[in-house]
């Protein structure tokens, strides 16, 4: 949205280096995981297992391996539902919806924080530019007041004006210098 390349670079640096924003992004991942875990409770947990065993028993008296030996093969396969809650009153569905709402709220909080960070960086940058312009104007004013004091001094020395005009010019110079010092402090 901003046409100033320096401001865009500052905003980019703020977005990549801000620890609070990184925490907000991590919280989104946590909320997403909680939502997925809670959503998984709406479906049955299916377990399956399989096993196979082979055993050899007894050999023939001839001593020849494999002659008269008995081989027993056992195989078993099991499938079952280990845990499932029938959701008659909507408790699991409501918990899943609450987790979804929490996830979406976390996403929106991260977006709001991101926009707030962009606003703060842009506002500070523009305030800094404004202070710089005000300082340039105040410096020009101070220089103008110095010239006015110099002219008032020449006029006082030649007897054209009174000391009051000279002291007013000095007072205006002092006010301009004080304003300039205040602007430097504000910019800092």
Protein backbone atom coordinates (compact mmCIF):
# COMPACT_ATOMS: atom_id res chain seq x y z
CA UNK A 1 0.00 0.00 0.00
CA UNK A 2 2.95 2.32 0.50
CA UNK A 3 4.91 3.76 -2.40
CA UNK A 4 8.00 4.53 -0.29
CA UNK A 5 10.63 1.80 -0.81
CA UNK A 6 12.36 2.56 2.49
CA UNK A 7 9.08 2.28 4.40
CA UNK A 8 8.31 -1.02 2.68
CA UNK A 9 11.77 -2.31 3.67
CA UNK A 10 11.21 -1.25 7.29
CA UNK A 11 7.81 -2.96 7.35
CA UNK A 12 9.32 -6.11 5.85
CA UNK A 13 12.08 -6.12 8.48
CA UNK A 14 9.52 -5.61 11.25
CA UNK A 15 7.39 -8.49 9.99
CA UNK A 16 10.31 -10.90 9.71
CA UNK A 17 12.09 -9.94 12.94
CA UNK A 18 9.23 -9.28 15.34
CA UNK A 19 9.20 -11.97 18.03
CA UNK A 20 5.62 -11.32 19.07
CA UNK A 21 4.47 -11.93 15.50
CA UNK A 22 6.45 -15.17 15.42
CA UNK A 23 4.69 -16.22 18.63
CA UNK A 24 1.31 -15.38 17.07
CA UNK A 25 2.13 -17.54 14.04
CA UNK A 26 3.21 -20.39 16.32
CA UNK A 27 -0.05 -20.06 18.24
CA UNK A 28 -1.91 -20.55 14.96
CA UNK A 29 -0.08 -23.84 14.46
CA UNK A 30 -0.96 -24.92 18.00
CA UNK A 31 -4.63 -23.98 17.52
CA UNK A 32 -4.72 -25.79 14.17
CA UNK A 33 -3.30 -28.92 15.82
CA UNK A 34 -5.85 -28.72 18.64
CA UNK A 35 -8.64 -28.36 16.10
CA UNK A 36 -7.43 -31.41 14.18
CA UNK A 37 -7.10 -33.46 17.34
CA UNK A 38 -10.56 -32.46 18.52
CA UNK A 39 -12.02 -33.14 15.06
CA UNK A 40 -10.51 -36.62 15.10
CA UNK A 41 -12.69 -37.52 18.10
CA UNK A 42 -15.75 -37.40 15.84
CA UNK A 43 -14.59 -40.57 14.05
CA UNK A 44 -13.96 -44.02 15.47
CA UNK A 45 -10.41 -45.06 16.24
CA UNK A 46 -9.70 -48.19 14.23
CA UNK A 47 -6.85 -50.46 15.20
CA UNK A 48 -5.43 -53.30 13.23
CA UNK A 49 -2.77 -55.88 13.90
CA UNK A 50 -1.36 -58.88 12.17
CA UNK A 51 1.04 -61.59 13.27
CA UNK A 52 2.54 -64.72 11.87
CA UNK A 53 4.62 -67.47 13.51
CA UNK A 54 6.25 -70.58 12.16
CA UNK A 55 7.58 -73.37 14.33
CA UNK A 56 9.26 -76.71 13.64
CA UNK A 57 8.67 -79.72 15.86
CA UNK A 58 10.28 -83.16 15.99
CA UNK A 59 12.68 -84.73 13.46
CA UNK A 60 12.77 -88.31 12.27
CA UNK A 61 15.05 -90.81 13.96
CA UNK A 62 17.11 -91.00 10.77
CA UNK A 63 18.81 -87.76 11.63
CA UNK A 64 18.11 -86.29 8.20
CA UNK A 65 16.99 -82.71 8.62
CA UNK A 66 13.50 -82.07 7.43
CA UNK A 67 12.53 -85.74 7.25
CA UNK A 68 9.44 -86.26 9.35
CA UNK A 69 9.58 -82.78 10.83
CA UNK A 70 6.35 -80.96 11.50
CA UNK A 71 6.00 -77.30 10.59
CA UNK A 72 3.27 -75.27 12.20
CA UNK A 73 2.29 -71.92 10.67
CA UNK A 74 0.07 -69.56 12.65
CA UNK A 75 -1.30 -66.34 11.25
CA UNK A 76 -3.72 -63.94 12.84
CA UNK A 77 -5.24 -60.68 11.74
CA UNK A 78 -7.28 -58.45 13.98
CA UNK A 79 -9.23 -55.28 13.34
CA UNK A 80 -11.19 -53.45 15.97
CA UNK A 81 -12.62 -50.16 17.11
CA UNK A 82 -10.75 -49.27 20.26
CA UNK A 83 -12.58 -46.09 21.22
CA UNK A 84 -15.62 -44.32 19.89
CA UNK A 85 -18.19 -42.17 21.59
CA UNK A 86 -21.62 -41.95 20.06
CA UNK A 87 -22.43 -38.26 19.98
CA UNK A 88 -26.12 -38.32 20.86
CA UNK A 89 -26.19 -34.88 22.49
CA UNK A 90 -23.55 -33.19 20.34
CA UNK A 91 -20.82 -32.92 22.99
CA UNK A 92 -18.02 -34.04 20.65
CA UNK A 93 -19.38 -31.92 17.80
CA UNK A 94 -19.56 -28.88 20.09
CA UNK A 95 -16.00 -29.45 21.32
CA UNK A 96 -14.85 -29.72 17.73
CA UNK A 97 -16.69 -26.52 16.83
CA UNK A 98 -15.18 -24.76 19.85
CA UNK A 99 -11.70 -25.83 18.76
CA UNK A 100 -12.46 -24.56 15.24
CA UNK A 101 -13.64 -21.23 16.64
CA UNK A 102 -10.50 -20.97 18.76
CA UNK A 103 -8.37 -21.66 15.69
CA UNK A 104 -10.16 -19.00 13.64
CA UNK A 105 -9.91 -16.51 16.52
CA UNK A 106 -6.18 -17.16 16.73
CA UNK A 107 -5.81 -16.57 12.99
CA UNK A 108 -7.72 -13.29 13.26
CA UNK A 109 -5.66 -12.21 16.28
CA UNK A 110 -2.47 -12.82 14.28
CA UNK A 111 -3.85 -10.80 11.36
CA UNK A 112 -4.86 -7.97 13.69
CA UNK A 113 -1.42 -7.97 15.31
CA UNK A 114 0.23 -7.95 11.87
CA UNK A 115 -1.87 -4.96 10.77
CA UNK A 116 -1.16 -3.19 14.04
CA UNK A 117 2.57 -3.76 13.57
CA UNK A 118 2.41 -2.37 10.02
CA UNK A 119 0.44 0.62 11.31
CA UNK A 120 2.96 1.29 14.08
CA UNK A 121 5.96 1.09 11.74
CA UNK A 122 4.32 3.30 9.11
CA UNK A 123 3.12 5.81 11.68
CA UNK A 124 6.55 6.05 13.31
CA UNK A 125 8.26 6.37 9.93
CA UNK A 126 5.90 9.10 8.77
CA UNK A 127 6.26 10.90 12.11
CA UNK A 128 10.02 10.76 11.66
CA UNK A 129 9.72 12.25 8.18
CA UNK A 130 7.41 14.92 9.53
CA UNK A 131 9.85 15.74 12.33
CA UNK A 132 12.66 15.98 9.79
CA UNK A 133 10.68 18.45 7.71
CA UNK A 134 9.75 20.47 10.79
CA UNK A 135 13.43 20.56 11.80
CA UNK A 136 14.42 21.85 8.36
CA UNK A 137 11.75 24.53 8.62
CA UNK A 138 12.83 25.43 12.18
CA UNK A 139 16.48 25.65 11.07
CA UNK A 140 15.45 28.02 8.29
CA UNK A 141 13.46 30.03 10.84
CA UNK A 142 16.46 30.21 13.18
CA UNK A 143 18.65 31.42 10.31
CA UNK A 144 16.01 34.02 9.41
CA UNK A 145 15.85 35.19 13.04
CA UNK A 146 19.66 35.47 13.15
CA UNK A 147 19.54 37.65 10.06
CA UNK A 148 16.80 39.73 11.71
CA UNK A 149 18.95 40.17 14.86
CA UNK A 150 21.92 41.18 12.70
CA UNK A 151 19.80 43.71 10.83
CA UNK A 152 18.25 45.00 14.09
CA UNK A 153 21.77 45.42 15.54
CA UNK A 154 22.87 47.43 12.49
CA UNK A 155 19.75 49.59 12.71
CA UNK A 156 20.24 50.08 16.47
CA UNK A 157 23.89 51.05 15.99
CA UNK A 158 22.95 53.56 13.26
CA UNK A 159 20.21 55.03 15.47
CA UNK A 160 17.30 54.13 13.17
CA UNK A 161 15.44 51.96 15.74
CA UNK A 162 15.26 51.61 19.48
CA UNK A 163 16.75 48.91 21.71
CA UNK A 164 13.25 47.48 22.09
CA UNK A 165 13.22 46.32 18.45
CA UNK A 166 16.64 44.74 18.89
CA UNK A 167 15.58 42.87 22.06
CA UNK A 168 12.37 41.70 20.36
CA UNK A 169 14.47 40.26 17.51
CA UNK A 170 16.72 38.53 20.06
CA UNK A 171 13.66 37.14 21.85
CA UNK A 172 12.26 35.77 18.59
CA UNK A 173 15.65 34.15 17.86
CA UNK A 174 15.69 32.51 21.32
CA UNK A 175 12.14 31.20 20.80
CA UNK A 176 13.09 29.75 17.39
CA UNK A 177 16.20 28.08 18.89
CA UNK A 178 14.10 26.58 21.72
CA UNK A 179 11.57 25.27 19.21
CA UNK A 180 14.40 23.73 17.16
CA UNK A 181 15.83 22.03 20.26
CA UNK A 182 12.38 20.66 21.10
CA UNK A 183 12.01 19.25 17.59
CA UNK A 184 15.42 17.55 17.82
CA UNK A 185 14.32 15.98 21.10
CA UNK A 186 11.02 14.85 19.55
CA UNK A 187 12.83 13.30 16.59
CA UNK A 188 15.24 11.46 18.89
